[in-house]
Amino acid sequence: ATDLPELTPRLARDFNVIDSFDTHA
């Protein structure tokens, strides 16, 4: 809802990352 939309792009600049973002739309 609020974490991954901000968190994943931010950490992806420095790390290989895997998330379970599930808001299909």
mmCIF file of all heavy atoms, coordinates in Angstrom:
data_MODEL
# 
_entry.id   MODEL 
# 
loop_
_atom_site.group_PDB 
_atom_site.id 
_atom_site.type_symbol 
_atom_site.label_atom_id 
_atom_site.label_alt_id 
_atom_site.label_comp_id 
_atom_site.label_asym_id 
_atom_site.label_entity_id 
_atom_site.label_seq_id 
_atom_site.pdbx_PDB_ins_code 
_atom_site.Cartn_x 
_atom_site.Cartn_y 
_atom_site.Cartn_z 
_atom_site.occupancy 
_atom_site.B_iso_or_equiv 
_atom_site.pdbx_formal_charge 
_atom_site.auth_seq_id 
_atom_site.auth_comp_id 
_atom_site.auth_asym_id 
_atom_site.auth_atom_id 
_atom_site.pdbx_PDB_model_num 
ATOM 1   N N   . ALA A 1 1  ? 0.821  -1.210  0.000   1.00 0.00 ? 1  ALA A N   1 
ATOM 2   C CA  . ALA A 1 1  ? 0.000  0.000   0.000   1.00 0.00 ? 1  ALA A CA  1 
ATOM 3   C C   . ALA A 1 1  ? 0.857  1.264   0.000   1.00 0.00 ? 1  ALA A C   1 
ATOM 4   O O   . ALA A 1 1  ? 0.649  2.169   -0.817  1.00 0.00 ? 1  ALA A O   1 
ATOM 5   C CB  . ALA A 1 1  ? -0.945 -0.005  1.195   1.00 0.00 ? 1  ALA A CB  1 
ATOM 6   N N   . THR A 1 2  ? 1.854  1.325   0.889   1.00 0.00 ? 2  THR A N   1 
ATOM 7   C CA  . THR A 1 2  ? 2.659  2.544   1.000   1.00 0.00 ? 2  THR A CA  1 
ATOM 8   C C   . THR A 1 2  ? 4.163  2.283   1.049   1.00 0.00 ? 2  THR A C   1 
ATOM 9   O O   . THR A 1 2  ? 4.939  3.156   0.659   1.00 0.00 ? 2  THR A O   1 
ATOM 10  C CB  . THR A 1 2  ? 2.259  3.343   2.264   1.00 0.00 ? 2  THR A CB  1 
ATOM 11  O OG1 . THR A 1 2  ? 2.424  2.502   3.420   1.00 0.00 ? 2  THR A OG1 1 
ATOM 12  C CG2 . THR A 1 2  ? 0.804  3.800   2.185   1.00 0.00 ? 2  THR A CG2 1 
ATOM 13  N N   . ASP A 1 3  ? 4.592  1.103   1.499   1.00 0.00 ? 3  ASP A N   1 
ATOM 14  C CA  . ASP A 1 3  ? 6.023  0.848   1.679   1.00 0.00 ? 3  ASP A CA  1 
ATOM 15  C C   . ASP A 1 3  ? 6.763  0.637   0.361   1.00 0.00 ? 3  ASP A C   1 
ATOM 16  O O   . ASP A 1 3  ? 7.697  1.362   0.021   1.00 0.00 ? 3  ASP A O   1 
ATOM 17  C CB  . ASP A 1 3  ? 6.246  -0.382  2.567   1.00 0.00 ? 3  ASP A CB  1 
ATOM 18  C CG  . ASP A 1 3  ? 5.860  -0.150  4.010   1.00 0.00 ? 3  ASP A CG  1 
ATOM 19  O OD1 . ASP A 1 3  ? 5.859  1.017   4.430   1.00 0.00 ? 3  ASP A OD1 1 
ATOM 20  O OD2 . ASP A 1 3  ? 5.559  -1.131  4.712   1.00 0.00 ? 3  ASP A OD2 1 
ATOM 21  N N   . LEU A 1 4  ? 6.369  -0.396  -0.363  1.00 0.00 ? 4  LEU A N   1 
ATOM 22  C CA  . LEU A 1 4  ? 7.142  -0.831  -1.530  1.00 0.00 ? 4  LEU A CA  1 
ATOM 23  C C   . LEU A 1 4  ? 7.193  0.174   -2.673  1.00 0.00 ? 4  LEU A C   1 
ATOM 24  O O   . LEU A 1 4  ? 8.227  0.269   -3.344  1.00 0.00 ? 4  LEU A O   1 
ATOM 25  C CB  . LEU A 1 4  ? 6.624  -2.182  -2.021  1.00 0.00 ? 4  LEU A CB  1 
ATOM 26  C CG  . LEU A 1 4  ? 6.786  -3.330  -1.017  1.00 0.00 ? 4  LEU A CG  1 
ATOM 27  C CD1 . LEU A 1 4  ? 6.174  -4.618  -1.577  1.00 0.00 ? 4  LEU A CD1 1 
ATOM 28  C CD2 . LEU A 1 4  ? 8.249  -3.553  -0.641  1.00 0.00 ? 4  LEU A CD2 1 
ATOM 29  N N   . PRO A 1 5  ? 6.132  0.957   -2.937  1.00 0.00 ? 5  PRO A N   1 
ATOM 30  C CA  . PRO A 1 5  ? 6.251  1.935   -4.027  1.00 0.00 ? 5  PRO A CA  1 
ATOM 31  C C   . PRO A 1 5  ? 7.399  2.924   -3.837  1.00 0.00 ? 5  PRO A C   1 
ATOM 32  O O   . PRO A 1 5  ? 7.986  3.403   -4.799  1.00 0.00 ? 5  PRO A O   1 
ATOM 33  C CB  . PRO A 1 5  ? 4.893  2.650   -4.006  1.00 0.00 ? 5  PRO A CB  1 
ATOM 34  C CG  . PRO A 1 5  ? 3.955  1.649   -3.449  1.00 0.00 ? 5  PRO A CG  1 
ATOM 35  C CD  . PRO A 1 5  ? 4.754  0.904   -2.409  1.00 0.00 ? 5  PRO A CD  1 
ATOM 36  N N   . GLU A 1 6  ? 7.730  3.222   -2.591  1.00 0.00 ? 6  GLU A N   1 
ATOM 37  C CA  . GLU A 1 6  ? 8.847  4.123   -2.304  1.00 0.00 ? 6  GLU A CA  1 
ATOM 38  C C   . GLU A 1 6  ? 10.131 3.349   -2.042  1.00 0.00 ? 6  GLU A C   1 
ATOM 39  O O   . GLU A 1 6  ? 11.214 3.723   -2.507  1.00 0.00 ? 6  GLU A O   1 
ATOM 40  C CB  . GLU A 1 6  ? 8.504  4.990   -1.090  1.00 0.00 ? 6  GLU A CB  1 
ATOM 41  C CG  . GLU A 1 6  ? 9.581  5.981   -0.686  1.00 0.00 ? 6  GLU A CG  1 
ATOM 42  C CD  . GLU A 1 6  ? 10.645 5.394   0.232   1.00 0.00 ? 6  GLU A CD  1 
ATOM 43  O OE1 . GLU A 1 6  ? 10.335 4.468   1.008   1.00 0.00 ? 6  GLU A OE1 1 
ATOM 44  O OE2 . GLU A 1 6  ? 11.810 5.857   0.156   1.00 0.00 ? 6  GLU A OE2 1 
ATOM 45  N N   . LEU A 1 7  ? 10.015 2.244   -1.315  1.00 0.00 ? 7  LEU A N   1 
ATOM 46  C CA  . LEU A 1 7  ? 11.186 1.519   -0.829  1.00 0.00 ? 7  LEU A CA  1 
ATOM 47  C C   . LEU A 1 7  ? 11.931 0.791   -1.944  1.00 0.00 ? 7  LEU A C   1 
ATOM 48  O O   . LEU A 1 7  ? 13.167 0.849   -2.033  1.00 0.00 ? 7  LEU A O   1 
ATOM 49  C CB  . LEU A 1 7  ? 10.743 0.522   0.246   1.00 0.00 ? 7  LEU A CB  1 
ATOM 50  C CG  . LEU A 1 7  ? 11.822 -0.276  0.952   1.00 0.00 ? 7  LEU A CG  1 
ATOM 51  C CD1 . LEU A 1 7  ? 12.757 0.654   1.714   1.00 0.00 ? 7  LEU A CD1 1 
ATOM 52  C CD2 . LEU A 1 7  ? 11.184 -1.291  1.901   1.00 0.00 ? 7  LEU A CD2 1 
ATOM 53  N N   . THR A 1 8  ? 11.207 0.091   -2.802  1.00 0.00 ? 8  THR A N   1 
ATOM 54  C CA  . THR A 1 8  ? 11.878 -0.721  -3.822  1.00 0.00 ? 8  THR A CA  1 
ATOM 55  C C   . THR A 1 8  ? 12.715 0.124   -4.782  1.00 0.00 ? 8  THR A C   1 
ATOM 56  O O   . THR A 1 8  ? 13.900 -0.179  -5.001  1.00 0.00 ? 8  THR A O   1 
ATOM 57  C CB  . THR A 1 8  ? 10.861 -1.584  -4.589  1.00 0.00 ? 8  THR A CB  1 
ATOM 58  O OG1 . THR A 1 8  ? 10.063 -2.321  -3.663  1.00 0.00 ? 8  THR A OG1 1 
ATOM 59  C CG2 . THR A 1 8  ? 11.568 -2.555  -5.514  1.00 0.00 ? 8  THR A CG2 1 
ATOM 60  N N   . PRO A 1 9  ? 12.171 1.195   -5.362  1.00 0.00 ? 9  PRO A N   1 
ATOM 61  C CA  . PRO A 1 9  ? 13.035 2.010   -6.240  1.00 0.00 ? 9  PRO A CA  1 
ATOM 62  C C   . PRO A 1 9  ? 14.231 2.619   -5.510  1.00 0.00 ? 9  PRO A C   1 
ATOM 63  O O   . PRO A 1 9  ? 15.333 2.711   -6.086  1.00 0.00 ? 9  PRO A O   1 
ATOM 64  C CB  . PRO A 1 9  ? 12.089 3.103   -6.754  1.00 0.00 ? 9  PRO A CB  1 
ATOM 65  C CG  . PRO A 1 9  ? 10.720 2.570   -6.565  1.00 0.00 ? 9  PRO A CG  1 
ATOM 66  C CD  . PRO A 1 9  ? 10.787 1.689   -5.365  1.00 0.00 ? 9  PRO A CD  1 
ATOM 67  N N   . ARG A 1 10 ? 14.010 3.019   -4.252  1.00 0.00 ? 10 ARG A N   1 
ATOM 68  C CA  . ARG A 1 10 ? 15.111 3.650   -3.515  1.00 0.00 ? 10 ARG A CA  1 
ATOM 69  C C   . ARG A 1 10 ? 16.258 2.670   -3.304  1.00 0.00 ? 10 ARG A C   1 
ATOM 70  O O   . ARG A 1 10 ? 17.428 2.996   -3.548  1.00 0.00 ? 10 ARG A O   1 
ATOM 71  C CB  . ARG A 1 10 ? 14.594 4.192   -2.178  1.00 0.00 ? 10 ARG A CB  1 
ATOM 72  C CG  . ARG A 1 10 ? 15.691 4.737   -1.269  1.00 0.00 ? 10 ARG A CG  1 
ATOM 73  C CD  . ARG A 1 10 ? 15.132 5.657   -0.204  1.00 0.00 ? 10 ARG A CD  1 
ATOM 74  N NE  . ARG A 1 10 ? 14.140 5.035   0.624   1.00 0.00 ? 10 ARG A NE  1 
ATOM 75  C CZ  . ARG A 1 10 ? 14.413 4.272   1.697   1.00 0.00 ? 10 ARG A CZ  1 
ATOM 76  N NH1 . ARG A 1 10 ? 15.679 4.017   2.015   1.00 0.00 ? 10 ARG A NH1 1 
ATOM 77  N NH2 . ARG A 1 10 ? 13.436 3.756   2.415   1.00 0.00 ? 10 ARG A NH2 1 
ATOM 78  N N   . LEU A 1 11 ? 15.956 1.460   -2.849  1.00 0.00 ? 11 LEU A N   1 
ATOM 79  C CA  . LEU A 1 11 ? 17.019 0.491   -2.580  1.00 0.00 ? 11 LEU A CA  1 
ATOM 80  C C   . LEU A 1 11 ? 17.563 -0.131  -3.860  1.00 0.00 ? 11 LEU A C   1 
ATOM 81  O O   . LEU A 1 11 ? 18.706 -0.600  -3.891  1.00 0.00 ? 11 LEU A O   1 
ATOM 82  C CB  . LEU A 1 11 ? 16.513 -0.600  -1.645  1.00 0.00 ? 11 LEU A CB  1 
ATOM 83  C CG  . LEU A 1 11 ? 16.298 -0.170  -0.187  1.00 0.00 ? 11 LEU A CG  1 
ATOM 84  C CD1 . LEU A 1 11 ? 15.796 -1.330  0.650   1.00 0.00 ? 11 LEU A CD1 1 
ATOM 85  C CD2 . LEU A 1 11 ? 17.587 0.378   0.425   1.00 0.00 ? 11 LEU A CD2 1 
ATOM 86  N N   . ALA A 1 12 ? 16.755 -0.134  -4.927  1.00 0.00 ? 12 ALA A N   1 
ATOM 87  C CA  . ALA A 1 12 ? 17.209 -0.725  -6.192  1.00 0.00 ? 12 ALA A CA  1 
ATOM 88  C C   . ALA A 1 12 ? 18.383 0.029   -6.805  1.00 0.00 ? 12 ALA A C   1 
ATOM 89  O O   . ALA A 1 12 ? 19.080 -0.512  -7.666  1.00 0.00 ? 12 ALA A O   1 
ATOM 90  C CB  . ALA A 1 12 ? 16.053 -0.783  -7.181  1.00 0.00 ? 12 ALA A CB  1 
ATOM 91  N N   . ARG A 1 13 ? 18.605 1.254   -6.386  1.00 0.00 ? 13 ARG A N   1 
ATOM 92  C CA  . ARG A 1 13 ? 19.748 2.010   -6.907  1.00 0.00 ? 13 ARG A CA  1 
ATOM 93  C C   . ARG A 1 13 ? 21.087 1.462   -6.388  1.00 0.00 ? 13 ARG A C   1 
ATOM 94  O O   . ARG A 1 13 ? 22.137 1.689   -7.007  1.00 0.00 ? 13 ARG A O   1 
ATOM 95  C CB  . ARG A 1 13 ? 19.631 3.491   -6.530  1.00 0.00 ? 13 ARG A CB  1 
ATOM 96  C CG  . ARG A 1 13 ? 18.511 4.205   -7.270  1.00 0.00 ? 13 ARG A CG  1 
ATOM 97  C CD  . ARG A 1 13 ? 18.484 5.692   -6.954  1.00 0.00 ? 13 ARG A CD  1 
ATOM 98  N NE  . ARG A 1 13 ? 17.497 6.368   -7.783  1.00 0.00 ? 13 ARG A NE  1 
ATOM 99  C CZ  . ARG A 1 13 ? 17.712 6.826   -9.010  1.00 0.00 ? 13 ARG A CZ  1 
ATOM 100 N NH1 . ARG A 1 13 ? 18.915 6.684   -9.547  1.00 0.00 ? 13 ARG A NH1 1 
ATOM 101 N NH2 . ARG A 1 13 ? 16.753 7.421   -9.698  1.00 0.00 ? 13 ARG A NH2 1 
ATOM 102 N N   . ASP A 1 14 ? 21.042 0.746   -5.262  1.00 0.00 ? 14 ASP A N   1 
ATOM 103 C CA  . ASP A 1 14 ? 22.288 0.286   -4.648  1.00 0.00 ? 14 ASP A CA  1 
ATOM 104 C C   . ASP A 1 14 ? 22.372 -1.217  -4.448  1.00 0.00 ? 14 ASP A C   1 
ATOM 105 O O   . ASP A 1 14 ? 23.454 -1.740  -4.195  1.00 0.00 ? 14 ASP A O   1 
ATOM 106 C CB  . ASP A 1 14 ? 22.470 0.972   -3.292  1.00 0.00 ? 14 ASP A CB  1 
ATOM 107 C CG  . ASP A 1 14 ? 22.693 2.466   -3.413  1.00 0.00 ? 14 ASP A CG  1 
ATOM 108 O OD1 . ASP A 1 14 ? 23.821 2.855   -3.733  1.00 0.00 ? 14 ASP A OD1 1 
ATOM 109 O OD2 . ASP A 1 14 ? 21.723 3.227   -3.222  1.00 0.00 ? 14 ASP A OD2 1 
ATOM 110 N N   . PHE A 1 15 ? 21.232 -1.918  -4.545  1.00 0.00 ? 15 PHE A N   1 
ATOM 111 C CA  . PHE A 1 15 ? 21.211 -3.345  -4.246  1.00 0.00 ? 15 PHE A CA  1 
ATOM 112 C C   . PHE A 1 15 ? 20.385 -4.092  -5.300  1.00 0.00 ? 15 PHE A C   1 
ATOM 113 O O   . PHE A 1 15 ? 19.481 -3.525  -5.904  1.00 0.00 ? 15 PHE A O   1 
ATOM 114 C CB  . PHE A 1 15 ? 20.575 -3.609  -2.875  1.00 0.00 ? 15 PHE A CB  1 
ATOM 115 C CG  . PHE A 1 15 ? 21.268 -2.970  -1.718  1.00 0.00 ? 15 PHE A CG  1 
ATOM 116 C CD1 . PHE A 1 15 ? 20.892 -1.697  -1.283  1.00 0.00 ? 15 PHE A CD1 1 
ATOM 117 C CD2 . PHE A 1 15 ? 22.301 -3.616  -1.053  1.00 0.00 ? 15 PHE A CD2 1 
ATOM 118 C CE1 . PHE A 1 15 ? 21.515 -1.099  -0.206  1.00 0.00 ? 15 PHE A CE1 1 
ATOM 119 C CE2 . PHE A 1 15 ? 22.940 -3.020  0.026   1.00 0.00 ? 15 PHE A CE2 1 
ATOM 120 C CZ  . PHE A 1 15 ? 22.556 -1.759  0.456   1.00 0.00 ? 15 PHE A CZ  1 
ATOM 121 N N   . ASN A 1 16 ? 20.699 -5.374  -5.465  1.00 0.00 ? 16 ASN A N   1 
ATOM 122 C CA  . ASN A 1 16 ? 19.766 -6.264  -6.133  1.00 0.00 ? 16 ASN A CA  1 
ATOM 123 C C   . ASN A 1 16 ? 18.623 -6.523  -5.139  1.00 0.00 ? 16 ASN A C   1 
ATOM 124 O O   . ASN A 1 16 ? 18.882 -6.911  -3.990  1.00 0.00 ? 16 ASN A O   1 
ATOM 125 C CB  . ASN A 1 16 ? 20.433 -7.590  -6.496  1.00 0.00 ? 16 ASN A CB  1 
ATOM 126 C CG  . ASN A 1 16 ? 21.625 -7.406  -7.413  1.00 0.00 ? 16 ASN A CG  1 
ATOM 127 O OD1 . ASN A 1 16 ? 21.599 -6.578  -8.320  1.00 0.00 ? 16 ASN A OD1 1 
ATOM 128 N ND2 . ASN A 1 16 ? 22.684 -8.165  -7.170  1.00 0.00 ? 16 ASN A ND2 1 
ATOM 129 N N   . VAL A 1 17 ? 17.384 -6.294  -5.546  1.00 0.00 ? 17 VAL A N   1 
ATOM 130 C CA  . VAL A 1 17 ? 16.269 -6.403  -4.612  1.00 0.00 ? 17 VAL A CA  1 
ATOM 131 C C   . VAL A 1 17 ? 15.162 -7.272  -5.190  1.00 0.00 ? 17 VAL A C   1 
ATOM 132 O O   . VAL A 1 17 ? 15.004 -7.400  -6.412  1.00 0.00 ? 17 VAL A O   1 
ATOM 133 C CB  . VAL A 1 17 ? 15.689 -5.017  -4.229  1.00 0.00 ? 17 VAL A CB  1 
ATOM 134 C CG1 . VAL A 1 17 ? 16.745 -4.151  -3.567  1.00 0.00 ? 17 VAL A CG1 1 
ATOM 135 C CG2 . VAL A 1 17 ? 15.088 -4.324  -5.441  1.00 0.00 ? 17 VAL A CG2 1 
ATOM 136 N N   . ILE A 1 18 ? 14.365 -7.874  -4.294  1.00 0.00 ? 18 ILE A N   1 
ATOM 137 C CA  . ILE A 1 18 ? 13.205 -8.679  -4.655  1.00 0.00 ? 18 ILE A CA  1 
ATOM 138 C C   . ILE A 1 18 ? 12.051 -8.226  -3.778  1.00 0.00 ? 18 ILE A C   1 
ATOM 139 O O   . ILE A 1 18 ? 12.205 -8.130  -2.546  1.00 0.00 ? 18 ILE A O   1 
ATOM 140 C CB  . ILE A 1 18 ? 13.450 -10.184 -4.434  1.00 0.00 ? 18 ILE A CB  1 
ATOM 141 C CG1 . ILE A 1 18 ? 14.649 -10.673 -5.250  1.00 0.00 ? 18 ILE A CG1 1 
ATOM 142 C CG2 . ILE A 1 18 ? 12.203 -11.002 -4.795  1.00 0.00 ? 18 ILE A CG2 1 
ATOM 143 C CD1 . ILE A 1 18 ? 15.933 -10.698 -4.468  1.00 0.00 ? 18 ILE A CD1 1 
ATOM 144 N N   . ASP A 1 19 ? 10.888 -7.922  -4.385  1.00 0.00 ? 19 ASP A N   1 
ATOM 145 C CA  . ASP A 1 19 ? 9.728  -7.568  -3.569  1.00 0.00 ? 19 ASP A CA  1 
ATOM 146 C C   . ASP A 1 19 ? 8.512  -8.383  -3.982  1.00 0.00 ? 19 ASP A C   1 
ATOM 147 O O   . ASP A 1 19 ? 8.527  -9.114  -4.981  1.00 0.00 ? 19 ASP A O   1 
ATOM 148 C CB  . ASP A 1 19 ? 9.445  -6.052  -3.596  1.00 0.00 ? 19 ASP A CB  1 
ATOM 149 C CG  . ASP A 1 19 ? 8.708  -5.543  -4.828  1.00 0.00 ? 19 ASP A CG  1 
ATOM 150 O OD1 . ASP A 1 19 ? 8.137  -6.350  -5.582  1.00 0.00 ? 19 ASP A OD1 1 
ATOM 151 O OD2 . ASP A 1 19 ? 8.694  -4.310  -5.045  1.00 0.00 ? 19 ASP A OD2 1 
ATOM 152 N N   . SER A 1 20 ? 7.439  -8.267  -3.188  1.00 0.00 ? 20 SER A N   1 
ATOM 153 C CA  . SER A 1 20 ? 6.196  -8.998  -3.440  1.00 0.00 ? 20 SER A CA  1 
ATOM 154 C C   . SER A 1 20 ? 5.049  -8.017  -3.659  1.00 0.00 ? 20 SER A C   1 
ATOM 155 O O   . SER A 1 20 ? 3.921  -8.268  -3.236  1.00 0.00 ? 20 SER A O   1 
ATOM 156 C CB  . SER A 1 20 ? 5.886  -9.942  -2.270  1.00 0.00 ? 20 SER A CB  1 
ATOM 157 O OG  . SER A 1 20 ? 5.808  -9.222  -1.049  1.00 0.00 ? 20 SER A OG  1 
ATOM 158 N N   . PHE A 1 21 ? 5.331  -6.905  -4.326  1.00 0.00 ? 21 PHE A N   1 
ATOM 159 C CA  . PHE A 1 21 ? 4.315  -5.892  -4.598  1.00 0.00 ? 21 PHE A CA  1 
ATOM 160 C C   . PHE A 1 21 ? 3.098  -6.537  -5.257  1.00 0.00 ? 21 PHE A C   1 
ATOM 161 O O   . PHE A 1 21 ? 3.214  -7.193  -6.298  1.00 0.00 ? 21 PHE A O   1 
ATOM 162 C CB  . PHE A 1 21 ? 4.899  -4.820  -5.517  1.00 0.00 ? 21 PHE A CB  1 
ATOM 163 C CG  . PHE A 1 21 ? 3.957  -3.682  -5.813  1.00 0.00 ? 21 PHE A CG  1 
ATOM 164 C CD1 . PHE A 1 21 ? 3.752  -2.671  -4.884  1.00 0.00 ? 21 PHE A CD1 1 
ATOM 165 C CD2 . PHE A 1 21 ? 3.276  -3.625  -7.022  1.00 0.00 ? 21 PHE A CD2 1 
ATOM 166 C CE1 . PHE A 1 21 ? 2.888  -1.617  -5.165  1.00 0.00 ? 21 PHE A CE1 1 
ATOM 167 C CE2 . PHE A 1 21 ? 2.418  -2.582  -7.314  1.00 0.00 ? 21 PHE A CE2 1 
ATOM 168 C CZ  . PHE A 1 21 ? 2.215  -1.580  -6.373  1.00 0.00 ? 21 PHE A CZ  1 
ATOM 169 N N   . ASP A 1 22 ? 1.914  -6.371  -4.649  1.00 0.00 ? 22 ASP A N   1 
ATOM 170 C CA  . ASP A 1 22 ? 0.766  -7.139  -5.132  1.00 0.00 ? 22 ASP A CA  1 
ATOM 171 C C   . ASP A 1 22 ? -0.461 -6.302  -5.480  1.00 0.00 ? 22 ASP A C   1 
ATOM 172 O O   . ASP A 1 22 ? -1.567 -6.850  -5.581  1.00 0.00 ? 22 ASP A O   1 
ATOM 173 C CB  . ASP A 1 22 ? 0.379  -8.220  -4.113  1.00 0.00 ? 22 ASP A CB  1 
ATOM 174 C CG  . ASP A 1 22 ? -0.139 -7.652  -2.793  1.00 0.00 ? 22 ASP A CG  1 
ATOM 175 O OD1 . ASP A 1 22 ? -0.161 -6.416  -2.626  1.00 0.00 ? 22 ASP A OD1 1 
ATOM 176 O OD2 . ASP A 1 22 ? -0.522 -8.462  -1.922  1.00 0.00 ? 22 ASP A OD2 1 
ATOM 177 N N   . THR A 1 23 ? -0.301 -5.000  -5.679  1.00 0.00 ? 23 THR A N   1 
ATOM 178 C CA  . THR A 1 23 ? -1.418 -4.193  -6.174  1.00 0.00 ? 23 THR A CA  1 
ATOM 179 C C   . THR A 1 23 ? -1.414 -4.321  -7.698  1.00 0.00 ? 23 THR A C   1 
ATOM 180 O O   . THR A 1 23 ? -0.725 -3.590  -8.417  1.00 0.00 ? 23 THR A O   1 
ATOM 181 C CB  . THR A 1 23 ? -1.267 -2.721  -5.743  1.00 0.00 ? 23 THR A CB  1 
ATOM 182 O OG1 . THR A 1 23 ? -1.098 -2.663  -4.327  1.00 0.00 ? 23 THR A OG1 1 
ATOM 183 C CG2 . THR A 1 23 ? -2.517 -1.934  -6.130  1.00 0.00 ? 23 THR A CG2 1 
ATOM 184 N N   . HIS A 1 24 ? -2.193 -5.262  -8.211  1.00 0.00 ? 24 HIS A N   1 
ATOM 185 C CA  . HIS A 1 24 ? -2.118 -5.652  -9.622  1.00 0.00 ? 24 HIS A CA  1 
ATOM 186 C C   . HIS A 1 24 ? -2.248 -4.454  -10.563 1.00 0.00 ? 24 HIS A C   1 
ATOM 187 O O   . HIS A 1 24 ? -1.506 -4.344  -11.543 1.00 0.00 ? 24 HIS A O   1 
ATOM 188 C CB  . HIS A 1 24 ? -3.196 -6.689  -9.937  1.00 0.00 ? 24 HIS A CB  1 
ATOM 189 C CG  . HIS A 1 24 ? -2.961 -8.019  -9.301  1.00 0.00 ? 24 HIS A CG  1 
ATOM 190 N ND1 . HIS A 1 24 ? -2.391 -9.077  -9.974  1.00 0.00 ? 24 HIS A ND1 1 
ATOM 191 C CD2 . HIS A 1 24 ? -3.212 -8.466  -8.049  1.00 0.00 ? 24 HIS A CD2 1 
ATOM 192 C CE1 . HIS A 1 24 ? -2.295 -10.114 -9.165  1.00 0.00 ? 24 HIS A CE1 1 
ATOM 193 N NE2 . HIS A 1 24 ? -2.792 -9.775  -7.997  1.00 0.00 ? 24 HIS A NE2 1 
ATOM 194 N N   . ALA A 1 25 ? -3.173 -3.554  -10.275 1.00 0.00 ? 25 ALA A N   1 
ATOM 195 C CA  . ALA A 1 25 ? -3.414 -2.427  -11.188 1.00 0.00 ? 25 ALA A CA  1 
ATOM 196 C C   . ALA A 1 25 ? -2.217 -1.496  -11.294 1.00 0.00 ? 25 ALA A C   1 
ATOM 197 O O   . ALA A 1 25 ? -2.046 -0.799  -12.308 1.00 0.00 ? 25 ALA A O   1 
ATOM 198 C CB  . ALA A 1 25 ? -4.644 -1.641  -10.726 1.00 0.00 ? 25 ALA A CB  1 
# 
